[in-house]
Amino acid sequence: MTTEATVIAVDAMGGDDAPDVVIEGARRALDSDPELRLLLVGPDAVVSPLASDRCESIPATEIIDMAEHPASAVRTKKDSSIVVGCRLVKEGRAAGFFSAGSTGACMAAATLVMGRIPGVTRPAIAQIIPASARPVVLLDVGANADVKPEMLVEFARMGSAYAEVVLGVTAPTIGLLNIGEEDTKGSTLAQEAHALLAAGVPGFIGNVEGRDVPAGTCDVVVTDGFTGNVALKTMEGTAAMLFAQLKTALTATLANRVAASVILPSMRELKRRLDPEGFGGAPLLGVKGVCVIAHGGSGAEGVANGIAAAARAVRGELTQHIASAIADERVPDAS
């Protein structure tokens, strides 16, 4: 009996080093997953030479640049690689879409072309944090700078479904990012969201602080997109600074360099474990289809991991799980 292939549309022109790293990443993804099939979207001259029985070329005559206004570009460039990729999901030709292109354009195209899952007010971007105790799903990390309390309830339900499907967590625990653990702490938004989460979201453990995210205190941490993005970039910057300082210290003297040669394998493994490219990208949760968005600076390995992440989400029926989680319970009244 043959297994039905998982079809992922890939934006060949997304990323700082596209199309070369995307093409190489797509090759690696295909090599590591025999049940994967790709629809490579981009200019015909770029994608057609790569066509094979497991990689179909889909011509797209336009490209959305990182500097363009996302919503305007999506509306005017209907034959761009991002819009065409999302359209392939809407039409059912692909089950998921991957891009390392403009995050804003991917969000706009996925929302406008794929559409939102019924009951989802705003889709949210979820990022897996390689925390100490366990990986943590942090959302929103940039899609929604301004939110309402009930939207954080939606984020919690979507993040919980994502942790179950992709991380294999049973009954995920959920925390609300705040400036203190007490339910009276924080802004009016945080206090109202806390009441709603406590009343209507299974697994909610209360407020968590910034230090709890890298510690892995809970499985899912919810916050608004502004705060989440600042938290994510701060953690990424801190990790990069620490590794740079450590490298400087370990190479400062001959004795240090000799000692460094002993711990080098362990340091490389630690860096690999903390590298966000290992997770391959962040999904936009709440749209009718899987959409994984990677960092623009992703290398070939990051692209391959992002395509693999999209395939895992499709096979785990992430969209259906989120739809069920949103439909299960109505958001309780804050009063």
C-alpha atoms as a PDB file:
ATOM      1  CA  MET A   1       0.000   0.000   0.000  1.00  0.00           C
ATOM      2  CA  THR A   2       1.432   3.402  -0.958  1.00  0.00           C
ATOM      3  CA  THR A   3       1.396   6.343   1.433  1.00  0.00           C
ATOM      4  CA  GLU A   4      -0.059   9.568   0.111  1.00  0.00           C
ATOM      5  CA  ALA A   5       2.647  12.206  -0.291  1.00  0.00           C
ATOM      6  CA  THR A   6       2.632  15.368   1.810  1.00  0.00           C
ATOM      7  CA  VAL A   7       2.652  18.317  -0.585  1.00  0.00           C
ATOM      8  CA  ILE A   8       4.283  21.585   0.523  1.00  0.00           C
ATOM      9  CA  ALA A   9       4.481  24.723  -1.605  1.00  0.00           C
ATOM     10  CA  VAL A  10       7.854  26.462  -1.244  1.00  0.00           C
ATOM     11  CA  ASP A  11       8.624  30.098  -2.034  1.00  0.00           C
ATOM     12  CA  ALA A  12      11.826  29.806  -4.047  1.00  0.00           C
ATOM     13  CA  MET A  13      12.428  33.565  -3.890  1.00  0.00           C
ATOM     14  CA  GLY A  14      12.005  34.093  -0.155  1.00  0.00           C
ATOM     15  CA  GLY A  15      15.042  35.039   1.943  1.00  0.00           C
ATOM     16  CA  ASP A  16      18.235  37.034   1.828  1.00  0.00           C
ATOM     17  CA  ASP A  17      20.113  34.411  -0.185  1.00  0.00           C
ATOM     18  CA  ALA A  18      17.283  33.133  -2.370  1.00  0.00           C
ATOM     19  CA  PRO A  19      16.979  31.260  -4.594  1.00  0.00           C
ATOM     20  CA  ASP A  20      20.237  29.324  -4.002  1.00  0.00           C
ATOM     21  CA  VAL A  21      19.767  28.436  -0.317  1.00  0.00           C
ATOM     22  CA  VAL A  22      16.069  27.702  -0.839  1.00  0.00           C
ATOM     23  CA  ILE A  23      16.831  25.305  -3.669  1.00  0.00           C
ATOM     24  CA  GLU A  24      19.541  23.570  -1.641  1.00  0.00           C
ATOM     25  CA  GLY A  25      17.226  23.409   1.378  1.00  0.00           C
ATOM     26  CA  ALA A  26      14.450  21.951  -0.744  1.00  0.00           C
ATOM     27  CA  ARG A  27      16.852  19.262  -2.017  1.00  0.00           C
ATOM     28  CA  ARG A  28      17.848  18.366   1.547  1.00  0.00           C
ATOM     29  CA  ALA A  29      14.214  18.194   2.637  1.00  0.00           C
ATOM     30  CA  LEU A  30      13.376  15.824  -0.213  1.00  0.00           C
ATOM     31  CA  ASP A  31      16.409  13.650   0.497  1.00  0.00           C
ATOM     32  CA  SER A  32      15.469  13.234   4.151  1.00  0.00           C
ATOM     33  CA  ASP A  33      11.754  12.591   3.617  1.00  0.00           C
ATOM     34  CA  PRO A  34      10.734  10.120   0.890  1.00  0.00           C
ATOM     35  CA  GLU A  35       7.040  10.870   1.487  1.00  0.00           C
ATOM     36  CA  LEU A  36       7.455  14.573   0.791  1.00  0.00           C
ATOM     37  CA  ARG A  37       6.524  16.316  -2.458  1.00  0.00           C
ATOM     38  CA  LEU A  38       7.244  19.971  -3.217  1.00  0.00           C
ATOM     39  CA  LEU A  39       5.709  22.636  -5.403  1.00  0.00           C
ATOM     40  CA  LEU A  40       8.582  25.082  -5.982  1.00  0.00           C
ATOM     41  CA  VAL A  41       7.204  28.544  -6.753  1.00  0.00           C
ATOM     42  CA  GLY A  42       9.189  31.258  -8.526  1.00  0.00           C
ATOM     43  CA  PRO A  43      10.351  32.578 -11.915  1.00  0.00           C
ATOM     44  CA  ASP A  44      10.182  29.862 -14.535  1.00  0.00           C
ATOM     45  CA  ALA A  45      13.902  30.119 -15.312  1.00  0.00           C
ATOM     46  CA  VAL A  46      14.681  29.418 -11.650  1.00  0.00           C
ATOM     47  CA  VAL A  47      12.238  26.644 -10.813  1.00  0.00           C
ATOM     48  CA  SER A  48      11.732  24.713 -14.057  1.00  0.00           C
ATOM     49  CA  PRO A  49      15.270  23.195 -14.147  1.00  0.00           C
ATOM     50  CA  LEU A  50      14.542  21.580 -10.773  1.00  0.00           C
ATOM     51  CA  ALA A  51      11.360  19.821 -11.842  1.00  0.00           C
ATOM     52  CA  SER A  52      11.223  16.106 -11.069  1.00  0.00           C
ATOM     53  CA  ASP A  53       8.693  13.483 -10.085  1.00  0.00           C
ATOM     54  CA  ARG A  54       8.750  14.821  -6.501  1.00  0.00           C
ATOM     55  CA  CYS A  55       9.331  18.528  -7.192  1.00  0.00           C
ATOM     56  CA  GLU A  56       6.931  20.342  -9.493  1.00  0.00           C
ATOM     57  CA  SER A  57       7.814  23.807 -10.766  1.00  0.00           C
ATOM     58  CA  ILE A  58       5.106  26.465 -10.426  1.00  0.00           C
ATOM     59  CA  PRO A  59       5.919  29.663 -12.351  1.00  0.00           C
ATOM     60  CA  ALA A  60       5.348  33.021 -10.638  1.00  0.00           C
ATOM     61  CA  THR A  61       6.260  36.202 -12.470  1.00  0.00           C
ATOM     62  CA  GLU A  62       6.498  38.590  -9.495  1.00  0.00           C
ATOM     63  CA  ILE A  63       8.510  38.859  -6.269  1.00  0.00           C
ATOM     64  CA  ILE A  64       7.574  40.760  -3.112  1.00  0.00           C
ATOM     65  CA  ASP A  65      10.586  42.601  -1.765  1.00  0.00           C
ATOM     66  CA  MET A  66      11.304  42.820   1.958  1.00  0.00           C
ATOM     67  CA  ALA A  67      10.955  46.619   1.868  1.00  0.00           C
ATOM     68  CA  GLU A  68       7.500  46.687   0.245  1.00  0.00           C
ATOM     69  CA  HIS A  69       4.332  47.393   2.204  1.00  0.00           C
ATOM     70  CA  PRO A  70       3.013  43.877   2.886  1.00  0.00           C
ATOM     71  CA  ALA A  71      -0.736  44.294   2.385  1.00  0.00           C
ATOM     72  CA  SER A  72      -0.352  46.549  -0.662  1.00  0.00           C
ATOM     73  CA  ALA A  73       2.168  44.206  -2.271  1.00  0.00           C
ATOM     74  CA  VAL A  74      -0.082  41.187  -1.721  1.00  0.00           C
ATOM     75  CA  ARG A  75      -3.043  42.990  -3.304  1.00  0.00           C
ATOM     76  CA  THR A  76      -1.123  44.304  -6.318  1.00  0.00           C
ATOM     77  CA  LYS A  77       1.288  41.421  -6.951  1.00  0.00           C
ATOM     78  CA  LYS A  78      -1.161  38.576  -7.346  1.00  0.00           C
ATOM     79  CA  ASP A  79       1.364  36.519  -9.318  1.00  0.00           C
ATOM     80  CA  SER A  80       4.110  36.829  -6.714  1.00  0.00           C
ATOM     81  CA  SER A  81       5.720  33.675  -5.321  1.00  0.00           C
ATOM     82  CA  ILE A  82       4.170  34.304  -1.882  1.00  0.00           C
ATOM     83  CA  VAL A  83       0.626  34.860  -3.129  1.00  0.00           C
ATOM     84  CA  VAL A  84       0.808  31.967  -5.589  1.00  0.00           C
ATOM     85  CA  GLY A  85       2.099  29.675  -2.844  1.00  0.00           C
ATOM     86  CA  CYS A  86      -0.801  30.570  -0.551  1.00  0.00           C
ATOM     87  CA  ARG A  87      -3.227  30.153  -3.442  1.00  0.00           C
ATOM     88  CA  LEU A  88      -1.960  26.607  -3.998  1.00  0.00           C
ATOM     89  CA  VAL A  89      -2.968  25.805  -0.410  1.00  0.00           C
ATOM     90  CA  LYS A  90      -6.381  27.429  -0.808  1.00  0.00           C
ATOM     91  CA  GLU A  91      -7.008  25.457  -4.002  1.00  0.00           C
ATOM     92  CA  GLY A  92      -5.994  22.202  -2.319  1.00  0.00           C
ATOM     93  CA  ARG A  93      -2.988  21.528  -4.538  1.00  0.00           C
ATOM     94  CA  ALA A  94      -0.687  21.914  -1.517  1.00  0.00           C
ATOM     95  CA  ALA A  95      -1.360  21.197   2.139  1.00  0.00           C
ATOM     96  CA  GLY A  96       1.132  23.732   3.459  1.00  0.00           C
ATOM     97  CA  PHE A  97       3.283  26.712   2.469  1.00  0.00           C
ATOM     98  CA  PHE A  98       6.848  27.629   3.462  1.00  0.00           C
ATOM     99  CA  SER A  99       8.650  30.930   2.887  1.00  0.00           C
ATOM    100  CA  ALA A 100      11.679  32.772   4.235  1.00  0.00           C
ATOM    101  CA  GLY A 101      10.450  35.951   2.560  1.00  0.00           C
ATOM    102  CA  SER A 102       8.737  39.022   3.971  1.00  0.00           C
ATOM    103  CA  THR A 103       7.003  38.060   7.212  1.00  0.00           C
ATOM    104  CA  GLY A 104       4.388  40.761   6.752  1.00  0.00           C
ATOM    105  CA  ALA A 105       3.636  39.686   3.184  1.00  0.00           C
ATOM    106  CA  CYS A 106       3.351  36.020   4.222  1.00  0.00           C
ATOM    107  CA  MET A 107       0.957  36.979   7.010  1.00  0.00           C
ATOM    108  CA  ALA A 108      -1.138  39.167   4.708  1.00  0.00           C
ATOM    109  CA  ALA A 109      -1.240  36.585   1.902  1.00  0.00           C
ATOM    110  CA  ALA A 110      -2.074  33.683   4.210  1.00  0.00           C
ATOM    111  CA  THR A 111      -4.852  35.674   5.891  1.00  0.00           C
ATOM    112  CA  LEU A 112      -6.313  37.151   2.699  1.00  0.00           C
ATOM    113  CA  VAL A 113      -5.865  34.167   0.384  1.00  0.00           C
ATOM    114  CA  MET A 114      -6.176  31.124   2.674  1.00  0.00           C
ATOM    115  CA  GLY A 115      -8.606  32.852   5.030  1.00  0.00           C
ATOM    116  CA  ARG A 116      -9.013  32.582   8.796  1.00  0.00           C
ATOM    117  CA  ILE A 117     -10.334  29.574  10.669  1.00  0.00           C
ATOM    118  CA  PRO A 118     -13.889  30.351  11.886  1.00  0.00           C
ATOM    119  CA  GLY A 119     -13.735  31.902  15.339  1.00  0.00           C
ATOM    120  CA  VAL A 120     -10.168  33.211  14.988  1.00  0.00           C
ATOM    121  CA  THR A 121     -10.064  36.993  15.329  1.00  0.00           C
ATOM    122  CA  ARG A 122      -6.403  37.388  14.375  1.00  0.00           C
ATOM    123  CA  PRO A 123      -3.831  34.764  13.354  1.00  0.00           C
ATOM    124  CA  ALA A 124      -0.707  34.664  15.528  1.00  0.00           C
ATOM    125  CA  ILE A 125       2.925  33.717  14.912  1.00  0.00           C
ATOM    126  CA  ALA A 126       4.239  30.998  17.232  1.00  0.00           C
ATOM    127  CA  GLN A 127       7.934  30.453  17.891  1.00  0.00           C
ATOM    128  CA  ILE A 128       9.458  27.428  19.606  1.00  0.00           C
ATOM    129  CA  ILE A 129      12.013  28.481  22.216  1.00  0.00           C
ATOM    130  CA  PRO A 130      14.712  25.865  23.045  1.00  0.00           C
ATOM    131  CA  ALA A 131      14.322  26.372  26.805  1.00  0.00           C
ATOM    132  CA  SER A 132      16.207  24.596  29.606  1.00  0.00           C
ATOM    133  CA  ALA A 133      13.527  22.239  30.894  1.00  0.00           C
ATOM    134  CA  ARG A 134      11.632  21.709  27.627  1.00  0.00           C
ATOM    135  CA  PRO A 135      10.849  23.552  24.385  1.00  0.00           C
ATOM    136  CA  VAL A 136       8.372  26.394  24.896  1.00  0.00           C
ATOM    137  CA  VAL A 137       5.850  27.741  22.377  1.00  0.00           C
ATOM    138  CA  LEU A 138       5.830  31.553  22.565  1.00  0.00           C
ATOM    139  CA  LEU A 139       3.058  33.464  20.810  1.00  0.00           C
ATOM    140  CA  ASP A 140       2.368  35.986  19.469  1.00  0.00           C
ATOM    141  CA  VAL A 141       5.850  37.045  18.365  1.00  0.00           C
ATOM    142  CA  GLY A 142       4.965  39.771  15.918  1.00  0.00           C
ATOM    143  CA  ALA A 143       1.667  39.453  14.078  1.00  0.00           C
ATOM    144  CA  ASN A 144      -0.463  41.590  16.416  1.00  0.00           C
ATOM    145  CA  ALA A 145       1.082  44.522  18.260  1.00  0.00           C
ATOM    146  CA  ASP A 146      -2.263  45.525  19.764  1.00  0.00           C
ATOM    147  CA  VAL A 147      -4.615  42.878  21.103  1.00  0.00           C
ATOM    148  CA  LYS A 148      -7.761  42.475  23.163  1.00  0.00           C
ATOM    149  CA  PRO A 149      -7.995  40.110  26.151  1.00  0.00           C
ATOM    150  CA  GLU A 150     -10.155  37.570  24.312  1.00  0.00           C
ATOM    151  CA  MET A 151      -7.526  37.337  21.564  1.00  0.00           C
ATOM    152  CA  LEU A 152      -5.005  36.061  24.109  1.00  0.00           C
ATOM    153  CA  VAL A 153      -7.486  33.279  24.916  1.00  0.00           C
ATOM    154  CA  GLU A 154      -7.492  32.347  21.224  1.00  0.00           C
ATOM    155  CA  PHE A 155      -3.678  32.432  21.190  1.00  0.00           C
ATOM    156  CA  ALA A 156      -3.611  30.099  24.202  1.00  0.00           C
ATOM    157  CA  ARG A 157      -5.885  27.568  22.528  1.00  0.00           C
ATOM    158  CA  MET A 158      -3.971  27.716  19.246  1.00  0.00           C
ATOM    159  CA  GLY A 159      -0.605  27.481  21.002  1.00  0.00           C
ATOM    160  CA  SER A 160      -1.793  24.507  23.027  1.00  0.00           C
ATOM    161  CA  ALA A 161      -2.886  22.704  19.850  1.00  0.00           C
ATOM    162  CA  TYR A 162       0.487  23.447  18.264  1.00  0.00           C
ATOM    163  CA  ALA A 163       2.396  22.087  21.276  1.00  0.00           C
ATOM    164  CA  GLU A 164       0.338  18.900  21.139  1.00  0.00           C
ATOM    165  CA  VAL A 165       0.783  18.320  17.407  1.00  0.00           C
ATOM    166  CA  VAL A 166       4.379  19.422  16.816  1.00  0.00           C
ATOM    167  CA  LEU A 167       6.057  18.871  20.195  1.00  0.00           C
ATOM    168  CA  GLY A 168       3.967  15.862  21.208  1.00  0.00           C
ATOM    169  CA  VAL A 169       2.986  17.393  24.560  1.00  0.00           C
ATOM    170  CA  THR A 170      -0.053  15.879  26.272  1.00  0.00           C
ATOM    171  CA  ALA A 171      -2.237  18.449  28.059  1.00  0.00           C
ATOM    172  CA  PRO A 172       0.122  21.438  27.622  1.00  0.00           C
ATOM    173  CA  THR A 173       0.461  23.949  30.444  1.00  0.00           C
ATOM    174  CA  ILE A 174      -0.092  27.601  29.536  1.00  0.00           C
ATOM    175  CA  GLY A 175       1.232  30.803  31.100  1.00  0.00           C
ATOM    176  CA  LEU A 176       0.461  34.484  30.507  1.00  0.00           C
ATOM    177  CA  LEU A 177       3.596  36.623  30.158  1.00  0.00           C
ATOM    178  CA  ASN A 178       3.466  39.342  32.785  1.00  0.00           C
ATOM    179  CA  ILE A 179       5.610  41.414  35.162  1.00  0.00           C
ATOM    180  CA  GLY A 180       4.703  39.294  38.189  1.00  0.00           C
ATOM    181  CA  GLU A 181       3.049  36.051  39.163  1.00  0.00           C
ATOM    182  CA  GLU A 182       0.080  37.507  41.078  1.00  0.00           C
ATOM    183  CA  ASP A 183      -3.175  37.773  39.130  1.00  0.00           C
ATOM    184  CA  THR A 184      -3.431  41.474  40.067  1.00  0.00           C
ATOM    185  CA  LYS A 185      -0.131  42.317  38.343  1.00  0.00           C
ATOM    186  CA  GLY A 186       0.341  44.002  35.008  1.00  0.00           C
ATOM    187  CA  SER A 187      -1.720  46.164  32.705  1.00  0.00           C
ATOM    188  CA  THR A 188      -5.488  46.183  32.404  1.00  0.00           C
ATOM    189  CA  LEU A 189      -5.082  43.969  29.344  1.00  0.00           C
ATOM    190  CA  ALA A 190      -3.065  41.419  31.317  1.00  0.00           C
ATOM    191  CA  GLN A 191      -5.473  41.384  34.252  1.00  0.00           C
ATOM    192  CA  GLU A 192      -8.547  40.956  32.034  1.00  0.00           C
ATOM    193  CA  ALA A 193      -6.813  38.287  29.974  1.00  0.00           C
ATOM    194  CA  HIS A 194      -5.818  36.442  33.144  1.00  0.00           C
ATOM    195  CA  ALA A 195      -9.468  36.277  34.232  1.00  0.00           C
ATOM    196  CA  LEU A 196     -10.572  34.941  30.857  1.00  0.00           C
ATOM    197  CA  LEU A 197      -7.770  32.390  30.652  1.00  0.00           C
ATOM    198  CA  ALA A 198      -8.408  31.150  34.180  1.00  0.00           C
ATOM    199  CA  ALA A 199     -12.118  30.760  33.459  1.00  0.00           C
ATOM    200  CA  GLY A 200     -11.993  29.117  30.080  1.00  0.00           C
ATOM    201  CA  VAL A 201      -8.633  27.555  29.098  1.00  0.00           C
ATOM    202  CA  PRO A 202      -7.586  24.111  30.376  1.00  0.00           C
ATOM    203  CA  GLY A 203      -3.969  23.942  31.484  1.00  0.00           C
ATOM    204  CA  PHE A 204      -3.660  27.626  32.399  1.00  0.00           C
ATOM    205  CA  ILE A 205      -1.231  27.964  35.326  1.00  0.00           C
ATOM    206  CA  GLY A 206      -1.340  31.754  35.733  1.00  0.00           C
ATOM    207  CA  ASN A 207       1.166  34.514  35.078  1.00  0.00           C
ATOM    208  CA  VAL A 208       4.781  33.800  34.178  1.00  0.00           C
ATOM    209  CA  GLU A 209       7.651  36.261  34.025  1.00  0.00           C
ATOM    210  CA  GLY A 210      10.245  36.821  31.326  1.00  0.00           C
ATOM    211  CA  ARG A 211      12.795  34.603  33.061  1.00  0.00           C
ATOM    212  CA  ASP A 212      10.320  31.711  32.955  1.00  0.00           C
ATOM    213  CA  VAL A 213      10.389  31.554  29.136  1.00  0.00           C
ATOM    214  CA  PRO A 214      14.014  30.342  28.726  1.00  0.00           C
ATOM    215  CA  ALA A 215      13.605  28.272  31.902  1.00  0.00           C
ATOM    216  CA  GLY A 216      10.734  26.295  30.370  1.00  0.00           C
ATOM    217  CA  THR A 217       8.357  26.779  33.283  1.00  0.00           C
ATOM    218  CA  CYS A 218       5.375  25.880  31.095  1.00  0.00           C
ATOM    219  CA  ASP A 219       4.726  24.540  27.592  1.00  0.00           C
ATOM    220  CA  VAL A 220       3.015  27.593  26.070  1.00  0.00           C
ATOM    221  CA  VAL A 221       3.474  31.302  26.847  1.00  0.00           C
ATOM    222  CA  VAL A 222       0.972  33.815  25.450  1.00  0.00           C
ATOM    223  CA  THR A 223       1.375  37.548  25.038  1.00  0.00           C
ATOM    224  CA  ASP A 224       0.738  40.337  22.541  1.00  0.00           C
ATOM    225  CA  GLY A 225       2.841  40.496  19.378  1.00  0.00           C
ATOM    226  CA  PHE A 226       4.782  43.585  20.464  1.00  0.00           C
ATOM    227  CA  THR A 227       5.900  42.108  23.784  1.00  0.00           C
ATOM    228  CA  GLY A 228       6.494  38.679  22.284  1.00  0.00           C
ATOM    229  CA  ASN A 229       8.693  40.054  19.520  1.00  0.00           C
ATOM    230  CA  VAL A 230      10.764  42.090  21.961  1.00  0.00           C
ATOM    231  CA  ALA A 231      11.158  39.048  24.227  1.00  0.00           C
ATOM    232  CA  LEU A 232      12.172  36.813  21.317  1.00  0.00           C
ATOM    233  CA  LYS A 233      14.718  39.267  19.887  1.00  0.00           C
ATOM    234  CA  THR A 234      16.146  39.907  23.355  1.00  0.00           C
ATOM    235  CA  MET A 235      16.697  36.195  23.932  1.00  0.00           C
ATOM    236  CA  GLU A 236      18.240  35.748  20.477  1.00  0.00           C
ATOM    237  CA  GLY A 237      20.537  38.742  20.987  1.00  0.00           C
ATOM    238  CA  THR A 238      21.575  37.632  24.462  1.00  0.00           C
ATOM    239  CA  ALA A 239      22.425  34.130  23.246  1.00  0.00           C
ATOM    240  CA  ALA A 240      24.494  35.530  20.353  1.00  0.00           C
ATOM    241  CA  MET A 241      26.338  37.916  22.709  1.00  0.00           C
ATOM    242  CA  LEU A 242      27.125  35.173  25.223  1.00  0.00           C
ATOM    243  CA  PHE A 243      28.527  32.861  22.540  1.00  0.00           C
ATOM    244  CA  ALA A 244      30.625  35.718  21.121  1.00  0.00           C
ATOM    245  CA  GLN A 245      31.982  36.615  24.571  1.00  0.00           C
ATOM    246  CA  LEU A 246      32.706  32.972  25.327  1.00  0.00           C
ATOM    247  CA  LYS A 247      34.590  32.583  22.053  1.00  0.00           C
ATOM    248  CA  THR A 248      36.672  35.656  22.877  1.00  0.00           C
ATOM    249  CA  ALA A 249      37.487  34.329  26.334  1.00  0.00           C
ATOM    250  CA  LEU A 250      38.382  30.845  25.102  1.00  0.00           C
ATOM    251  CA  THR A 251      40.777  32.156  22.452  1.00  0.00           C
ATOM    252  CA  ALA A 252      42.433  34.902  24.522  1.00  0.00           C
ATOM    253  CA  THR A 253      45.536  32.908  25.464  1.00  0.00           C
ATOM    254  CA  LEU A 254      47.325  29.747  24.393  1.00  0.00           C
ATOM    255  CA  ALA A 255      46.242  27.979  27.579  1.00  0.00           C
ATOM    256  CA  ASN A 256      42.640  28.978  26.952  1.00  0.00           C
ATOM    257  CA  ARG A 257      42.812  27.707  23.391  1.00  0.00           C
ATOM    258  CA  VAL A 258      44.151  24.355  24.562  1.00  0.00           C
ATOM    259  CA  ALA A 259      41.332  24.099  27.112  1.00  0.00           C
ATOM    260  CA  ALA A 260      38.807  25.170  24.473  1.00  0.00           C
ATOM    261  CA  SER A 261      39.818  22.284  22.208  1.00  0.00           C
ATOM    262  CA  VAL A 262      38.625  19.883  24.889  1.00  0.00           C
ATOM    263  CA  ILE A 263      35.156  21.389  25.287  1.00  0.00           C
ATOM    264  CA  LEU A 264      34.683  22.369  21.628  1.00  0.00           C
ATOM    265  CA  PRO A 265      32.451  19.384  20.720  1.00  0.00           C
ATOM    266  CA  SER A 266      30.167  20.136  23.676  1.00  0.00           C
ATOM    267  CA  MET A 267      30.008  23.825  22.770  1.00  0.00           C
ATOM    268  CA  ARG A 268      29.107  23.011  19.175  1.00  0.00           C
ATOM    269  CA  GLU A 269      26.335  20.712  20.348  1.00  0.00           C
ATOM    270  CA  LEU A 270      25.016  23.403  22.705  1.00  0.00           C
ATOM    271  CA  LYS A 271      25.045  25.989  19.922  1.00  0.00           C
ATOM    272  CA  ARG A 272      23.244  23.577  17.611  1.00  0.00           C
ATOM    273  CA  ARG A 273      20.602  22.904  20.264  1.00  0.00           C
ATOM    274  CA  LEU A 274      19.990  26.619  20.814  1.00  0.00           C
ATOM    275  CA  ASP A 275      20.015  27.542  17.124  1.00  0.00           C
ATOM    276  CA  PRO A 276      16.501  28.699  16.077  1.00  0.00           C
ATOM    277  CA  GLU A 277      17.153  27.285  12.588  1.00  0.00           C
ATOM    278  CA  GLY A 278      16.811  23.844  14.138  1.00  0.00           C
ATOM    279  CA  PHE A 279      13.061  24.410  14.327  1.00  0.00           C
ATOM    280  CA  GLY A 280      12.990  25.838  10.811  1.00  0.00           C
ATOM    281  CA  GLY A 281      10.549  28.686  11.204  1.00  0.00           C
ATOM    282  CA  ALA A 282       7.436  29.923  12.924  1.00  0.00           C
ATOM    283  CA  PRO A 283       3.919  28.925  11.875  1.00  0.00           C
ATOM    284  CA  LEU A 284       1.146  31.447  11.416  1.00  0.00           C
ATOM    285  CA  LEU A 285      -1.591  29.870  13.511  1.00  0.00           C
ATOM    286  CA  GLY A 286      -5.252  30.513  12.779  1.00  0.00           C
ATOM    287  CA  VAL A 287      -5.350  30.389   8.975  1.00  0.00           C
ATOM    288  CA  LYS A 288      -6.977  27.677   6.868  1.00  0.00           C
ATOM    289  CA  GLY A 289      -3.812  25.801   6.054  1.00  0.00           C
ATOM    290  CA  VAL A 290      -0.276  25.398   7.322  1.00  0.00           C
ATOM    291  CA  CYS A 291       1.944  28.437   6.770  1.00  0.00           C
ATOM    292  CA  VAL A 292       5.520  28.373   8.116  1.00  0.00           C
ATOM    293  CA  ILE A 293       7.572  31.569   7.970  1.00  0.00           C
ATOM    294  CA  ALA A 294      11.355  31.396   8.384  1.00  0.00           C
ATOM    295  CA  HIS A 295      13.908  34.089   9.143  1.00  0.00           C
ATOM    296  CA  GLY A 296      15.125  35.919   6.049  1.00  0.00           C
ATOM    297  CA  GLY A 297      18.702  34.989   6.873  1.00  0.00           C
ATOM    298  CA  SER A 298      17.983  31.255   7.013  1.00  0.00           C
ATOM    299  CA  GLY A 299      20.575  28.970   5.475  1.00  0.00           C
ATOM    300  CA  ALA A 300      19.909  25.776   3.554  1.00  0.00           C
ATOM    301  CA  GLU A 301      19.581  23.762   6.763  1.00  0.00           C
ATOM    302  CA  GLY A 302      17.061  26.226   8.154  1.00  0.00           C
ATOM    303  CA  VAL A 303      15.041  26.014   4.937  1.00  0.00           C
ATOM    304  CA  ALA A 304      15.098  22.208   5.031  1.00  0.00           C
ATOM    305  CA  ASN A 305      13.997  22.236   8.674  1.00  0.00           C
ATOM    306  CA  GLY A 306      11.236  24.726   7.893  1.00  0.00           C
ATOM    307  CA  ILE A 307       9.867  22.556   5.098  1.00  0.00           C
ATOM    308  CA  ALA A 308      10.045  19.568   7.443  1.00  0.00           C
ATOM    309  CA  ALA A 309       8.187  21.545  10.127  1.00  0.00           C
ATOM    310  CA  ALA A 310       5.430  22.364   7.650  1.00  0.00           C
ATOM    311  CA  ALA A 311       5.169  18.682   6.687  1.00  0.00           C
ATOM    312  CA  ARG A 312       4.939  17.634  10.368  1.00  0.00           C
ATOM    313  CA  ALA A 313       2.182  20.153  10.976  1.00  0.00           C
ATOM    314  CA  VAL A 314       0.231  18.880   7.973  1.00  0.00           C
ATOM    315  CA  ARG A 315       0.613  15.243   9.005  1.00  0.00           C
ATOM    316  CA  GLY A 316      -0.435  16.097  12.542  1.00  0.00           C
ATOM    317  CA  GLU A 317      -3.547  17.858  11.184  1.00  0.00           C
ATOM    318  CA  LEU A 318      -2.610  21.083  12.951  1.00  0.00           C
ATOM    319  CA  THR A 319      -5.241  23.201  11.203  1.00  0.00           C
ATOM    320  CA  GLN A 320      -8.012  20.791  12.185  1.00  0.00           C
ATOM    321  CA  HIS A 321      -6.768  20.672  15.793  1.00  0.00           C
ATOM    322  CA  ILE A 322      -6.777  24.465  16.009  1.00  0.00           C
ATOM    323  CA  ALA A 323     -10.262  24.651  14.491  1.00  0.00           C
ATOM    324  CA  SER A 324     -11.508  22.164  17.102  1.00  0.00           C
ATOM    325  CA  ALA A 325      -9.763  24.012  19.938  1.00  0.00           C
ATOM    326  CA  ILE A 326     -11.335  27.321  18.910  1.00  0.00           C
ATOM    327  CA  ALA A 327     -14.788  25.800  18.437  1.00  0.00           C
ATOM    328  CA  ASP A 328     -14.781  23.716  21.639  1.00  0.00           C
ATOM    329  CA  GLU A 329     -15.638  26.505  24.018  1.00  0.00           C
ATOM    330  CA  ARG A 330     -16.892  30.016  23.567  1.00  0.00           C
ATOM    331  CA  VAL A 331     -14.721  32.694  25.134  1.00  0.00           C
ATOM    332  CA  PRO A 332     -16.240  33.394  28.553  1.00  0.00           C
ATOM    333  CA  ASP A 333     -17.519  36.862  29.387  1.00  0.00           C
ATOM    334  CA  ALA A 334     -14.957  38.886  31.356  1.00  0.00           C
ATOM    335  CA  SER A 335     -17.721  40.119  33.639  1.00  0.00           C
END
